[in-house]
C-alpha atoms as a PDB file:
ATOM      1  CA  MET A   1      70.000  92.345  75.112  1.00  0.00           C
ATOM      2  CA  LYS A   2      71.181  89.582  77.432  1.00  0.00           C
ATOM      3  CA  VAL A   3      73.846  87.315  75.932  1.00  0.00           C
ATOM      4  CA  CYS A   4      74.823  83.867  77.183  1.00  0.00           C
ATOM      5  CA  VAL A   5      78.101  82.248  76.220  1.00  0.00           C
ATOM      6  CA  ILE A   6      78.187  78.480  76.607  1.00  0.00           C
ATOM      7  CA  TYR A   7      81.820  77.417  76.787  1.00  0.00           C
ATOM      8  CA  GLY A   8      82.488  73.843  75.725  1.00  0.00           C
ATOM      9  CA  SER A   9      86.251  73.660  76.111  1.00  0.00           C
ATOM     10  CA  THR A  10      88.149  71.591  78.649  1.00  0.00           C
ATOM     11  CA  ARG A  11      91.151  73.941  78.560  1.00  0.00           C
ATOM     12  CA  GLU A  12      91.422  76.973  80.836  1.00  0.00           C
ATOM     13  CA  ASN A  13      91.767  80.207  78.857  1.00  0.00           C
ATOM     14  CA  GLY A  14      91.994  78.274  75.611  1.00  0.00           C
ATOM     15  CA  ASN A  15      91.874  79.643  72.094  1.00  0.00           C
ATOM     16  CA  THR A  16      88.089  79.300  71.824  1.00  0.00           C
ATOM     17  CA  GLU A  17      87.585  81.248  75.038  1.00  0.00           C
ATOM     18  CA  LEU A  18      90.014  83.965  73.957  1.00  0.00           C
ATOM     19  CA  LEU A  19      88.256  84.416  70.621  1.00  0.00           C
ATOM     20  CA  THR A  20      84.803  84.401  72.201  1.00  0.00           C
ATOM     21  CA  GLU A  21      85.844  86.940  74.817  1.00  0.00           C
ATOM     22  CA  GLU A  22      86.853  89.198  71.928  1.00  0.00           C
ATOM     23  CA  VAL A  23      83.249  88.930  70.672  1.00  0.00           C
ATOM     24  CA  VAL A  24      81.623  89.813  73.996  1.00  0.00           C
ATOM     25  CA  LYS A  25      84.160  92.244  75.490  1.00  0.00           C
ATOM     26  CA  ASN A  26      82.011  95.332  74.801  1.00  0.00           C
ATOM     27  CA  LEU A  27      78.616  93.789  75.473  1.00  0.00           C
ATOM     28  CA  PRO A  28      76.953  95.035  78.661  1.00  0.00           C
ATOM     29  CA  ASP A  29      75.071  91.950  79.865  1.00  0.00           C
ATOM     30  CA  VAL A  30      76.867  88.628  79.384  1.00  0.00           C
ATOM     31  CA  THR A  31      76.315  85.389  81.270  1.00  0.00           C
ATOM     32  CA  ARG A  32      79.176  82.936  80.948  1.00  0.00           C
ATOM     33  CA  ILE A  33      78.508  79.230  81.408  1.00  0.00           C
ATOM     34  CA  ASP A  34      81.634  77.093  81.488  1.00  0.00           C
ATOM     35  CA  LEU A  35      80.320  73.564  80.974  1.00  0.00           C
ATOM     36  CA  LYS A  36      83.415  71.922  82.470  1.00  0.00           C
ATOM     37  CA  ARG A  37      82.547  73.486  85.820  1.00  0.00           C
ATOM     38  CA  TYR A  38      79.162  71.739  86.034  1.00  0.00           C
ATOM     39  CA  ARG A  39      78.364  68.166  86.925  1.00  0.00           C
ATOM     40  CA  TYR A  40      75.866  66.843  84.405  1.00  0.00           C
ATOM     41  CA  HIS A  41      75.363  63.333  83.154  1.00  0.00           C
ATOM     42  CA  ASP A  42      75.046  61.774  79.741  1.00  0.00           C
ATOM     43  CA  ILE A  43      71.524  61.297  78.525  1.00  0.00           C
ATOM     44  CA  VAL A  44      69.927  57.933  79.113  1.00  0.00           C
ATOM     45  CA  ASP A  45      67.575  57.610  76.168  1.00  0.00           C
ATOM     46  CA  GLN A  46      64.186  56.805  77.621  1.00  0.00           C
ATOM     47  CA  ARG A  47      62.091  58.504  74.940  1.00  0.00           C
ATOM     48  CA  HIS A  48      60.214  55.314  74.219  1.00  0.00           C
ATOM     49  CA  ASP A  49      59.895  54.008  77.776  1.00  0.00           C
ATOM     50  CA  ILE A  50      56.360  53.876  79.146  1.00  0.00           C
ATOM     51  CA  ASN A  51      57.217  56.250  82.002  1.00  0.00           C
ATOM     52  CA  GLY A  52      59.491  58.465  79.908  1.00  0.00           C
ATOM     53  CA  PHE A  53      62.679  59.968  81.269  1.00  0.00           C
ATOM     54  CA  SER A  54      63.723  59.402  84.854  1.00  0.00           C
ATOM     55  CA  PRO A  55      64.766  62.439  86.918  1.00  0.00           C
ATOM     56  CA  VAL A  56      68.522  63.049  86.939  1.00  0.00           C
ATOM     57  CA  ASP A  57      70.349  64.318  89.998  1.00  0.00           C
ATOM     58  CA  ASP A  58      72.968  66.668  88.592  1.00  0.00           C
ATOM     59  CA  GLU A  59      73.538  70.362  87.800  1.00  0.00           C
ATOM     60  CA  TYR A  60      72.125  70.360  84.263  1.00  0.00           C
ATOM     61  CA  ASP A  61      68.984  72.331  85.231  1.00  0.00           C
ATOM     62  CA  GLN A  62      71.187  75.122  86.621  1.00  0.00           C
ATOM     63  CA  ILE A  63      72.607  75.575  83.127  1.00  0.00           C
ATOM     64  CA  ILE A  64      69.200  75.506  81.429  1.00  0.00           C
ATOM     65  CA  ASP A  65      67.759  78.025  83.916  1.00  0.00           C
ATOM     66  CA  GLN A  66      70.535  80.500  83.040  1.00  0.00           C
ATOM     67  CA  ILE A  67      70.029  80.008  79.307  1.00  0.00           C
ATOM     68  CA  MET A  68      66.289  80.579  79.532  1.00  0.00           C
ATOM     69  CA  ASP A  69      66.959  84.085  80.823  1.00  0.00           C
ATOM     70  CA  CYS A  70      68.979  85.123  77.736  1.00  0.00           C
ATOM     71  CA  GLU A  71      68.101  86.359  74.260  1.00  0.00           C
ATOM     72  CA  VAL A  72      71.343  85.502  72.455  1.00  0.00           C
ATOM     73  CA  LEU A  73      73.253  82.250  72.833  1.00  0.00           C
ATOM     74  CA  ILE A  74      76.858  81.874  71.737  1.00  0.00           C
ATOM     75  CA  PHE A  75      78.026  78.270  71.592  1.00  0.00           C
ATOM     76  CA  ALA A  76      81.818  78.319  71.928  1.00  0.00           C
ATOM     77  CA  THR A  77      83.648  75.065  71.290  1.00  0.00           C
ATOM     78  CA  PRO A  78      86.988  73.881  70.048  1.00  0.00           C
ATOM     79  CA  ILE A  79      86.811  71.817  66.886  1.00  0.00           C
ATOM     80  CA  TYR A  80      87.522  68.215  67.870  1.00  0.00           C
ATOM     81  CA  TRP A  81      87.531  65.631  65.100  1.00  0.00           C
ATOM     82  CA  TYR A  82      85.433  67.921  62.839  1.00  0.00           C
ATOM     83  CA  GLY A  83      82.784  68.423  65.478  1.00  0.00           C
ATOM     84  CA  MET A  84      82.065  69.949  68.850  1.00  0.00           C
ATOM     85  CA  SER A  85      83.774  69.009  72.091  1.00  0.00           C
ATOM     86  CA  SER A  86      82.428  66.134  74.166  1.00  0.00           C
ATOM     87  CA  VAL A  87      81.247  68.422  76.972  1.00  0.00           C
ATOM     88  CA  MET A  88      79.233  70.517  74.495  1.00  0.00           C
ATOM     89  CA  LYS A  89      77.801  67.427  72.798  1.00  0.00           C
ATOM     90  CA  ARG A  90      76.808  65.877  76.139  1.00  0.00           C
ATOM     91  CA  PHE A  91      75.036  69.124  77.080  1.00  0.00           C
ATOM     92  CA  ILE A  92      73.109  69.351  73.807  1.00  0.00           C
ATOM     93  CA  ASP A  93      72.235  65.654  73.906  1.00  0.00           C
ATOM     94  CA  ARG A  94      70.351  66.309  77.143  1.00  0.00           C
ATOM     95  CA  TRP A  95      67.981  68.609  75.227  1.00  0.00           C
ATOM     96  CA  SER A  96      66.218  65.416  74.096  1.00  0.00           C
ATOM     97  CA  GLN A  97      65.137  65.009  77.692  1.00  0.00           C
ATOM     98  CA  THR A  98      64.436  68.709  78.271  1.00  0.00           C
ATOM     99  CA  VAL A  99      61.918  68.937  75.422  1.00  0.00           C
ATOM    100  CA  ARG A 100      59.874  66.314  77.302  1.00  0.00           C
ATOM    101  CA  ASP A 101      60.511  67.621  80.822  1.00  0.00           C
ATOM    102  CA  GLU A 102      57.493  68.954  82.720  1.00  0.00           C
ATOM    103  CA  LYS A 103      59.774  71.562  84.352  1.00  0.00           C
ATOM    104  CA  TYR A 104      60.281  73.143  80.910  1.00  0.00           C
ATOM    105  CA  PRO A 105      56.926  72.713  79.143  1.00  0.00           C
ATOM    106  CA  ASP A 106      57.680  75.476  76.625  1.00  0.00           C
ATOM    107  CA  PHE A 107      61.364  74.682  76.040  1.00  0.00           C
ATOM    108  CA  LYS A 108      61.211  74.710  72.230  1.00  0.00           C
ATOM    109  CA  GLU A 109      58.958  77.790  72.221  1.00  0.00           C
ATOM    110  CA  GLN A 110      61.356  79.655  74.523  1.00  0.00           C
ATOM    111  CA  MET A 111      64.345  78.588  72.437  1.00  0.00           C
ATOM    112  CA  SER A 112      62.609  79.908  69.314  1.00  0.00           C
ATOM    113  CA  GLN A 113      62.802  83.396  70.840  1.00  0.00           C
ATOM    114  CA  LYS A 114      66.608  83.264  70.992  1.00  0.00           C
ATOM    115  CA  ASP A 115      69.330  83.972  68.439  1.00  0.00           C
ATOM    116  CA  ALA A 116      72.269  81.553  68.206  1.00  0.00           C
ATOM    117  CA  TYR A 117      75.866  81.935  67.056  1.00  0.00           C
ATOM    118  CA  ILE A 118      78.748  79.482  66.964  1.00  0.00           C
ATOM    119  CA  VAL A 119      82.356  80.345  67.745  1.00  0.00           C
ATOM    120  CA  ALA A 120      84.824  77.541  67.103  1.00  0.00           C
ATOM    121  CA  VAL A 121      88.587  77.258  66.905  1.00  0.00           C
ATOM    122  CA  GLY A 122      90.685  74.479  65.421  1.00  0.00           C
ATOM    123  CA  GLY A 123      94.291  73.977  64.483  1.00  0.00           C
ATOM    124  CA  ASP A 124      94.068  72.381  61.060  1.00  0.00           C
ATOM    125  CA  GLU A 125      92.324  74.447  58.354  1.00  0.00           C
ATOM    126  CA  PRO A 126      89.323  75.232  60.587  1.00  0.00           C
ATOM    127  CA  ARG A 127      87.615  77.445  57.996  1.00  0.00           C
ATOM    128  CA  VAL A 128      87.187  74.316  55.887  1.00  0.00           C
ATOM    129  CA  LYS A 129      87.312  71.444  58.366  1.00  0.00           C
ATOM    130  CA  GLY A 130      85.043  73.275  60.820  1.00  0.00           C
ATOM    131  CA  LEU A 131      82.174  73.398  58.326  1.00  0.00           C
ATOM    132  CA  PRO A 132      80.736  70.002  59.393  1.00  0.00           C
ATOM    133  CA  LEU A 133      80.473  71.445  62.922  1.00  0.00           C
ATOM    134  CA  VAL A 134      78.713  74.531  61.573  1.00  0.00           C
ATOM    135  CA  GLN A 135      76.261  72.393  59.626  1.00  0.00           C
ATOM    136  CA  GLN A 136      75.602  70.232  62.682  1.00  0.00           C
ATOM    137  CA  PHE A 137      74.748  73.354  64.708  1.00  0.00           C
ATOM    138  CA  GLN A 138      72.489  74.589  61.920  1.00  0.00           C
ATOM    139  CA  TYR A 139      70.506  71.347  62.115  1.00  0.00           C
ATOM    140  CA  ILE A 140      70.425  71.506  65.918  1.00  0.00           C
ATOM    141  CA  CYS A 141      69.122  75.074  65.799  1.00  0.00           C
ATOM    142  CA  GLU A 142      66.527  74.159  63.196  1.00  0.00           C
ATOM    143  CA  PHE A 143      65.260  71.241  65.265  1.00  0.00           C
ATOM    144  CA  ILE A 144      65.085  73.053  68.596  1.00  0.00           C
ATOM    145  CA  GLY A 145      63.803  76.310  67.057  1.00  0.00           C
ATOM    146  CA  LEU A 146      66.793  78.568  67.729  1.00  0.00           C
ATOM    147  CA  ASN A 147      67.260  81.407  65.253  1.00  0.00           C
ATOM    148  CA  TYR A 148      70.628  80.468  63.779  1.00  0.00           C
ATOM    149  CA  LYS A 149      72.480  83.691  62.953  1.00  0.00           C
ATOM    150  CA  GLY A 150      75.960  82.612  61.944  1.00  0.00           C
ATOM    151  CA  TYR A 151      79.369  81.384  62.904  1.00  0.00           C
ATOM    152  CA  LEU A 152      82.937  82.465  63.501  1.00  0.00           C
ATOM    153  CA  LEU A 153      85.829  80.083  62.883  1.00  0.00           C
ATOM    154  CA  GLY A 154      89.389  80.755  63.974  1.00  0.00           C
ATOM    155  CA  GLU A 155      92.723  78.985  63.751  1.00  0.00           C
ATOM    156  CA  GLY A 156      94.783  78.036  66.762  1.00  0.00           C
ATOM    157  CA  GLY A 157      96.229  74.797  68.048  1.00  0.00           C
ATOM    158  CA  LYS A 158      98.684  75.714  70.755  1.00  0.00           C
ATOM    159  CA  PRO A 159      97.760  78.015  73.646  1.00  0.00           C
ATOM    160  CA  LYS A 160      97.190  81.617  72.534  1.00  0.00           C
ATOM    161  CA  ASP A 161      97.699  80.802  68.815  1.00  0.00           C
ATOM    162  CA  ILE A 162      94.326  82.404  68.097  1.00  0.00           C
ATOM    163  CA  LEU A 163      95.819  85.796  68.890  1.00  0.00           C
ATOM    164  CA  THR A 164      97.834  85.577  65.667  1.00  0.00           C
ATOM    165  CA  ASP A 165      94.729  84.906  63.541  1.00  0.00           C
ATOM    166  CA  LYS A 166      94.075  88.538  62.660  1.00  0.00           C
ATOM    167  CA  LYS A 167      91.054  87.722  60.484  1.00  0.00           C
ATOM    168  CA  ALA A 168      89.363  85.820  63.323  1.00  0.00           C
ATOM    169  CA  ILE A 169      90.047  88.636  65.801  1.00  0.00           C
ATOM    170  CA  GLU A 170      88.664  91.204  63.361  1.00  0.00           C
ATOM    171  CA  ASP A 171      85.615  89.036  62.658  1.00  0.00           C
ATOM    172  CA  ALA A 172      85.070  88.598  66.409  1.00  0.00           C
ATOM    173  CA  GLN A 173      85.011  92.348  66.913  1.00  0.00           C
ATOM    174  CA  LYS A 174      82.533  92.719  64.045  1.00  0.00           C
ATOM    175  CA  LEU A 175      80.326  89.991  65.485  1.00  0.00           C
ATOM    176  CA  GLY A 176      80.341  91.724  68.858  1.00  0.00           C
ATOM    177  CA  GLU A 177      79.206  94.968  67.229  1.00  0.00           C
ATOM    178  CA  LEU A 178      76.504  93.127  65.296  1.00  0.00           C
ATOM    179  CA  ILE A 179      75.148  91.530  68.472  1.00  0.00           C
ATOM    180  CA  LYS A 180      75.349  94.814  70.336  1.00  0.00           C
ATOM    181  CA  GLY A 181      73.135  96.350  67.670  1.00  0.00           C
END
């Protein structure tokens, strides 16, 4: 089973990454996509233009090509203002263009063959205040056809705080075993 982690943090080795790495540490085939390392633009909404979307010269397709090759997607994002990070949101917003892109004629069909999990970390009651983020991802998965499988929320504000959230670390290990099968 090929797993893809999509990292949406802007911090190097941040709490979200540490928790997610605990999930995937024993999985044999993991692709890691760190969104902050790619140059991709905001969507320009041309859904209703006569000619549709214009081609975009950036690295977004490199990300999509890697995702298409995986069976399990883990969206890893810090909780920012009760939602996902801006880099994660910008990436997902581009899906509006991808579902209409001739390069990916079966995008929704291919996404429907994948399982999706969310890993998110926040510093202020994330197991409660992270629920709007979880619900947003549920709706995103429903729309695009991903098989939403669940979420993991952890608490950590300062660097490495997540390592003291024993419940989150334990849940991460359990999630890794579940994915491993």
